[in-house]
Protein backbone atom coordinates (compact mmCIF):
# COMPACT_ATOMS: atom_id res chain seq x y z
CA MET A 1 31.45 -9.01 -26.51
CA PRO A 2 30.75 -5.39 -26.45
CA PRO A 3 31.10 -3.61 -23.14
CA GLU A 4 27.89 -3.66 -21.01
CA SER A 5 25.98 -0.24 -21.00
CA PRO A 6 25.89 1.47 -17.61
CA GLN A 7 22.71 0.70 -15.67
CA LYS A 8 21.01 2.98 -13.42
CA PRO A 9 20.59 2.14 -9.67
CA ARG A 10 18.72 -1.19 -9.57
CA GLY A 11 16.65 -3.53 -7.45
CA ARG A 12 16.26 -4.23 -3.87
CA PRO A 13 19.65 -3.31 -2.37
CA ARG A 14 21.17 -5.62 0.02
CA LYS A 15 20.52 -2.86 2.90
CA ALA A 16 16.79 -3.61 2.61
CA ALA A 17 17.07 -7.07 3.21
CA ALA A 18 19.42 -6.34 6.19
CA ALA A 19 16.90 -4.24 7.60
CA GLN A 20 14.08 -6.74 8.19
CA SER A 21 13.11 -7.28 11.80
CA ALA A 22 14.22 -10.22 14.17
CA ALA A 23 10.63 -11.71 13.77
CA GLN A 24 10.92 -11.66 10.00
CA VAL A 25 14.38 -13.60 9.97
CA VAL A 26 13.39 -16.39 12.53
CA TYR A 27 12.60 -18.82 9.88
CA ARG A 28 14.95 -18.41 6.94
CA ALA A 29 14.37 -20.05 3.56
CA PRO A 30 17.65 -18.95 1.92
CA ALA A 31 16.94 -20.47 -1.59
CA LEU A 32 13.55 -18.86 -1.51
CA ASP A 33 14.78 -15.62 -0.82
CA LYS A 34 17.24 -15.81 -3.40
CA GLY A 35 14.81 -16.58 -6.07
CA LEU A 36 12.17 -13.58 -4.89
CA ASP A 37 15.34 -11.23 -4.59
CA ILE A 38 16.16 -12.41 -8.21
CA LEU A 39 12.47 -11.95 -9.47
CA GLU A 40 12.23 -8.36 -7.49
CA LEU A 41 15.43 -7.03 -9.39
CA LEU A 42 14.19 -8.05 -12.72
CA ALA A 43 10.81 -6.46 -11.74
CA THR A 44 12.94 -2.78 -12.24
CA GLN A 45 14.74 -3.66 -15.34
CA PRO A 46 12.21 -3.73 -18.74
CA GLN A 47 15.26 -4.48 -20.70
CA GLY A 48 16.23 -7.35 -18.48
CA LEU A 49 20.01 -8.00 -17.11
CA THR A 50 23.02 -10.00 -17.92
CA ARG A 51 23.83 -12.84 -15.38
CA SER A 52 27.29 -10.95 -14.54
CA GLN A 53 24.90 -7.82 -13.48
CA ILE A 54 22.64 -9.75 -11.53
CA VAL A 55 25.69 -11.36 -9.80
CA LYS A 56 27.07 -7.98 -9.06
CA ASP A 57 23.75 -6.47 -7.95
CA MET A 58 23.01 -9.54 -5.42
CA ALA A 59 26.83 -9.75 -4.29
CA ARG A 60 26.34 -13.58 -4.59
CA SER A 61 28.64 -16.16 -6.32
CA PRO A 62 27.88 -16.72 -10.08
CA ASN A 63 27.36 -20.43 -9.50
CA GLU A 64 24.37 -19.92 -7.35
CA ILE A 65 22.83 -17.38 -9.17
CA TYR A 66 23.37 -19.46 -12.62
CA ARG A 67 21.26 -22.55 -10.63
CA MET A 68 18.54 -20.22 -9.30
CA LEU A 69 18.29 -18.35 -12.96
CA GLU A 70 18.23 -22.09 -14.67
CA ARG A 71 15.27 -22.91 -12.18
CA LEU A 72 13.08 -19.55 -12.85
CA VAL A 73 13.75 -20.18 -16.46
CA ALA A 74 12.48 -23.94 -16.31
CA ARG A 75 9.48 -22.75 -14.41
CA GLN A 76 8.69 -19.79 -16.98
CA TYR A 77 8.77 -16.96 -14.30
CA VAL A 78 12.05 -15.51 -16.36
CA THR A 79 12.81 -15.79 -20.01
CA ARG A 80 16.11 -16.04 -21.68
CA SER A 81 17.16 -13.93 -24.53
CA ALA A 82 18.28 -15.69 -28.16
CA SER A 83 21.82 -14.96 -27.58
CA GLY A 84 21.61 -16.55 -23.82
CA ASP A 85 23.31 -13.50 -22.43
CA ARG A 86 20.27 -11.64 -20.85
CA TYR A 87 17.39 -12.45 -18.51
CA ALA A 88 14.31 -10.67 -18.25
CA LEU A 89 10.72 -11.55 -16.16
CA SER A 90 8.11 -13.46 -18.29
CA LEU A 91 4.29 -12.57 -18.21
CA LYS A 92 3.85 -15.58 -15.89
CA LEU A 93 3.52 -13.29 -12.62
CA PHE A 94 1.20 -10.83 -14.74
CA ALA A 95 -1.34 -13.69 -15.63
CA MET A 96 -1.00 -15.07 -11.66
CA ALA A 97 -2.15 -11.70 -10.74
CA HIS A 98 -5.07 -11.32 -13.41
CA ALA A 99 -6.29 -14.92 -12.21
CA HIS A 100 -7.56 -13.42 -9.19
CA PRO A 101 -8.56 -9.64 -9.63
CA PRO A 102 -6.29 -7.61 -7.38
CA LEU A 103 -8.97 -5.51 -5.80
CA ASN A 104 -10.97 -8.61 -4.76
CA ARG A 105 -7.58 -10.00 -3.22
CA LEU A 106 -7.03 -6.64 -1.29
CA VAL A 107 -10.64 -6.91 0.04
CA ASN A 108 -10.57 -10.39 0.97
CA GLN A 109 -7.30 -9.80 3.04
CA ALA A 110 -8.77 -6.79 4.65
CA LEU A 111 -12.21 -7.86 5.73
CA PRO A 112 -10.84 -10.02 8.49
CA VAL A 113 -8.58 -7.30 9.73
CA MET A 114 -11.29 -4.77 9.37
CA ASP A 115 -13.82 -6.86 11.43
CA ASP A 116 -11.01 -7.36 14.24
CA PHE A 117 -10.96 -3.37 14.27
CA ALA A 118 -14.55 -3.18 14.56
CA CYS A 119 -14.60 -5.42 17.39
CA ARG A 120 -11.78 -3.75 19.26
CA ALA A 121 -12.81 -0.39 18.75
CA GLU A 122 -16.60 -0.61 18.38
CA GLN A 123 -16.57 1.67 15.58
CA SER A 124 -17.42 0.97 11.83
CA CYS A 125 -14.57 1.33 9.08
CA HIS A 126 -14.24 1.40 5.46
CA MET A 127 -11.49 0.63 2.90
CA GLY A 128 -11.28 3.40 -0.20
CA VAL A 129 -9.63 3.01 -3.24
CA TYR A 130 -9.00 5.45 -6.14
CA ASP A 131 -11.54 5.29 -8.90
CA ARG A 132 -11.79 7.38 -11.91
CA GLY A 133 -11.07 10.46 -10.27
CA ASN A 134 -12.78 10.06 -6.81
CA VAL A 135 -12.84 7.20 -4.08
CA LEU A 136 -14.61 4.16 -4.36
CA ILE A 137 -15.85 2.56 -0.95
CA ALA A 138 -14.51 -1.09 -1.61
CA ALA A 139 -15.15 -2.67 1.77
CA GLN A 140 -17.16 -1.58 4.93
CA ILE A 141 -17.92 -3.14 8.30
CA ASN A 142 -20.28 -1.72 10.90
CA SER A 143 -19.63 -1.65 14.53
CA PRO A 144 -20.80 -5.01 16.41
CA ARG A 145 -22.71 -2.76 19.13
CA GLY A 146 -24.83 -1.50 16.47
CA TRP A 147 -24.21 2.25 17.26
CA SER A 148 -22.03 3.68 14.60
CA PHE A 149 -21.80 6.06 11.53
CA SER A 150 -20.87 3.75 8.02
CA VAL A 151 -20.39 4.65 4.42
CA GLN A 152 -22.02 2.24 2.25
CA ARG A 153 -19.93 -0.25 0.25
CA GLY A 154 -19.96 0.67 -3.40
CA ALA A 155 -20.54 4.54 -2.58
CA ARG A 156 -18.36 6.74 -4.25
CA VAL A 157 -17.03 9.94 -2.19
CA GLY A 158 -15.31 13.05 -2.98
CA LEU A 159 -11.14 13.08 -3.73
CA LEU A 160 -10.67 16.34 -2.44
CA ASP A 161 -12.96 17.00 0.47
CA THR A 162 -12.85 13.35 2.39
CA ALA A 163 -9.95 11.81 4.61
CA SER A 164 -9.71 8.76 2.20
CA GLY A 165 -9.26 11.19 -0.80
CA HIS A 166 -6.68 13.09 1.05
CA MET A 167 -4.84 10.27 1.84
CA LEU A 168 -4.67 8.63 -1.20
CA LEU A 169 -3.40 12.06 -2.61
CA ALA A 170 -0.84 12.31 -0.11
CA TYR A 171 0.74 9.04 -0.49
CA ALA A 172 0.70 9.12 -4.37
CA ASP A 173 3.76 9.78 -6.37
CA ALA A 174 3.98 13.00 -8.33
CA ASP A 175 2.85 11.72 -11.49
CA SER A 176 -0.01 9.73 -9.89
CA ARG A 177 -1.42 12.85 -8.03
CA GLN A 178 -1.25 15.11 -11.15
CA ARG A 179 -3.20 12.35 -13.20
CA MET A 180 -5.93 11.45 -10.07
CA LEU A 181 -6.29 15.49 -10.04
CA ALA A 182 -6.82 16.00 -13.66
CA GLU A 183 -9.55 12.95 -13.75
CA HIS A 184 -11.41 14.41 -10.69
CA ARG A 185 -15.20 15.55 -11.39
CA PRO A 186 -16.67 17.10 -8.47
CA LEU A 187 -19.47 15.07 -6.59
CA ASP A 188 -22.78 16.12 -5.47
CA GLY A 189 -22.20 18.29 -2.24
CA GLU A 190 -18.35 18.38 -2.48
CA VAL A 191 -16.64 21.17 -0.29
CA PRO A 192 -14.34 23.21 -2.55
CA VAL A 193 -10.77 23.52 -1.88
CA THR A 194 -8.08 25.87 -3.26
CA ASP A 195 -4.85 24.56 -4.77
CA ASP A 196 -2.91 26.00 -2.20
CA GLY A 197 -5.12 24.80 0.80
CA LEU A 198 -5.05 21.27 -0.76
CA ALA A 199 -0.90 21.40 -1.18
CA GLN A 200 -0.91 22.37 2.73
CA THR A 201 -3.18 19.55 3.77
CA LEU A 202 -1.34 17.04 1.63
CA ALA A 203 1.75 18.12 3.38
CA ALA A 204 0.53 18.11 6.87
CA ILE A 205 -0.97 14.60 6.21
CA ARG A 206 2.56 13.13 5.03
CA ALA A 207 4.26 14.55 8.07
CA GLN A 208 1.63 13.18 10.49
CA GLY A 209 1.19 10.07 8.61
CA TYR A 210 -2.44 9.89 9.22
CA VAL A 211 -5.60 11.87 9.13
CA GLU A 212 -7.77 12.86 12.36
CA ARG A 213 -10.27 15.71 11.70
CA ASP A 214 -13.85 16.72 12.07
CA SER A 215 -15.58 15.41 8.99
CA ALA A 216 -16.59 17.82 6.24
CA GLN A 217 -19.77 16.04 5.35
CA SER A 218 -21.35 15.11 8.83
CA TYR A 219 -21.75 16.95 12.43
CA GLY A 220 -20.55 15.01 15.23
CA VAL A 221 -18.27 12.72 13.29
CA VAL A 222 -14.41 12.61 13.51
CA ASP A 223 -12.66 11.10 10.35
CA ILE A 224 -9.53 9.07 11.11
CA SER A 225 -7.89 7.47 8.34
CA PHE A 226 -4.38 5.73 7.50
CA PRO A 227 -3.01 4.38 4.54
CA ILE A 228 -2.61 1.06 3.13
CA LEU A 229 1.08 1.33 1.61
CA ALA A 230 2.29 -0.77 -1.52
CA PRO A 231 5.99 -1.67 -1.30
CA ASP A 232 6.84 1.60 -2.63
CA ASN A 233 5.32 3.61 -0.05
CA THR A 234 2.70 4.68 -2.33
CA ALA A 235 -1.10 4.44 -1.09
CA LEU A 236 -3.19 1.08 -2.41
CA ALA A 237 -5.95 1.87 -0.20
CA THR A 238 -7.11 3.84 2.75
CA LEU A 239 -8.53 2.51 6.17
CA THR A 240 -10.92 5.33 7.57
CA CYS A 241 -13.25 5.12 10.60
CA PRO A 242 -15.94 7.87 11.17
CA TYR A 243 -15.61 7.98 14.80
CA ILE A 244 -18.63 8.87 16.99
CA ARG A 245 -18.51 9.11 20.61
CA ARG A 246 -21.58 7.75 22.75
CA ILE A 247 -22.45 9.96 25.52
CA ASP A 248 -24.76 7.47 27.26
CA ARG A 249 -23.45 5.48 30.38
CA HIS A 250 -21.74 2.88 28.00
CA VAL A 251 -17.76 3.47 28.00
CA GLY A 252 -16.18 2.27 24.80
CA PRO A 253 -13.10 2.92 23.49
CA ASP A 254 -11.72 6.38 23.35
CA LEU A 255 -10.52 8.62 20.31
CA ALA A 256 -7.01 7.84 20.97
CA ALA A 257 -7.53 4.08 21.67
CA VAL A 258 -9.60 3.78 18.16
CA ARG A 259 -6.45 5.72 16.42
CA ALA A 260 -4.13 3.05 17.61
CA CYS A 261 -6.29 0.36 16.74
CA LEU A 262 -6.80 1.78 13.32
CA ARG A 263 -2.88 2.33 12.75
CA GLU A 264 -2.33 -1.28 13.59
CA ALA A 265 -4.80 -2.69 11.29
CA SER A 266 -3.56 -0.21 8.10
CA ALA A 267 0.07 -1.55 9.18
CA ALA A 268 -0.98 -4.79 8.99
CA LEU A 269 -2.04 -4.67 5.66
CA SER A 270 0.46 -2.65 4.20
CA PHE A 271 3.18 -4.38 1.92
CA ALA A 272 6.11 -1.49 2.27
CA HIS A 273 9.71 -2.37 3.02
CA HIS A 274 10.10 0.81 5.26
CA PRO A 275 8.40 1.78 8.40
CA HIS A 276 4.65 2.58 7.99
CA PRO A 277 4.57 6.35 8.17
CA ALA A 278 2.11 6.32 10.77
CA VAL A 279 4.18 4.18 13.04
CA ALA A 280 7.37 6.31 12.29
CA ALA A 281 5.27 9.50 13.34
CA SER A 282 4.04 8.03 16.41
CA ALA A 283 7.47 7.18 17.64
CA ALA A 284 8.78 10.66 16.66
């Protein structure tokens, strides 16, 4: 058998599993964890891996890996090469994902969290996703108090002059950010920004973990925005609250309390293995 070619660092290291919080490991399901670890490892390897490579990366016994691989092959989540020595992901997970459109799934998961935020904060909020060079408002919840500023669901807002757009750019990888900027087309009323100014804004957002500033579109509105993170710590979407302060006798949550509520909501919807940047920034 020819020697195996060197492989680049693969998969989800054991350190990531060791970093799970106590709450996550109270109810253990070792067999399920093992199967999911194999799927996550193979997801990073388009050419697949041999069984010995999987055993080495997962630091488990050959027998337990063999049994799990056989079950994944039998259930058609994993394919085995004709020679029988290399395993790769099948298209089953891809088909499952497309059986329920990802954006619809994200919106369905986000709406209860957004509704809880609106009730606690007494403010409206909306979720923005990247769409063809700008930002699409995919979900929106009004304040239950009736007094709020809101952005209509289905509206498209600017990539370069809104809190949502800046958040999506700040938490995009370098290649995606370049593509997003190349696809951008100015919308009506868009506030121009220089390249240097944008770079400084995005760096500040990454350092702070969130946006909080006066709106560039409306007087009296403070935009607060947090990212909804994918497992690789890029932004799947953003949660944004256009905060308005009541000046009558009603005393509602102040800006700091609303920010804390929005931080919790975005963290609840995020999938990142690492601490949410906004949580890390607040603890620093």
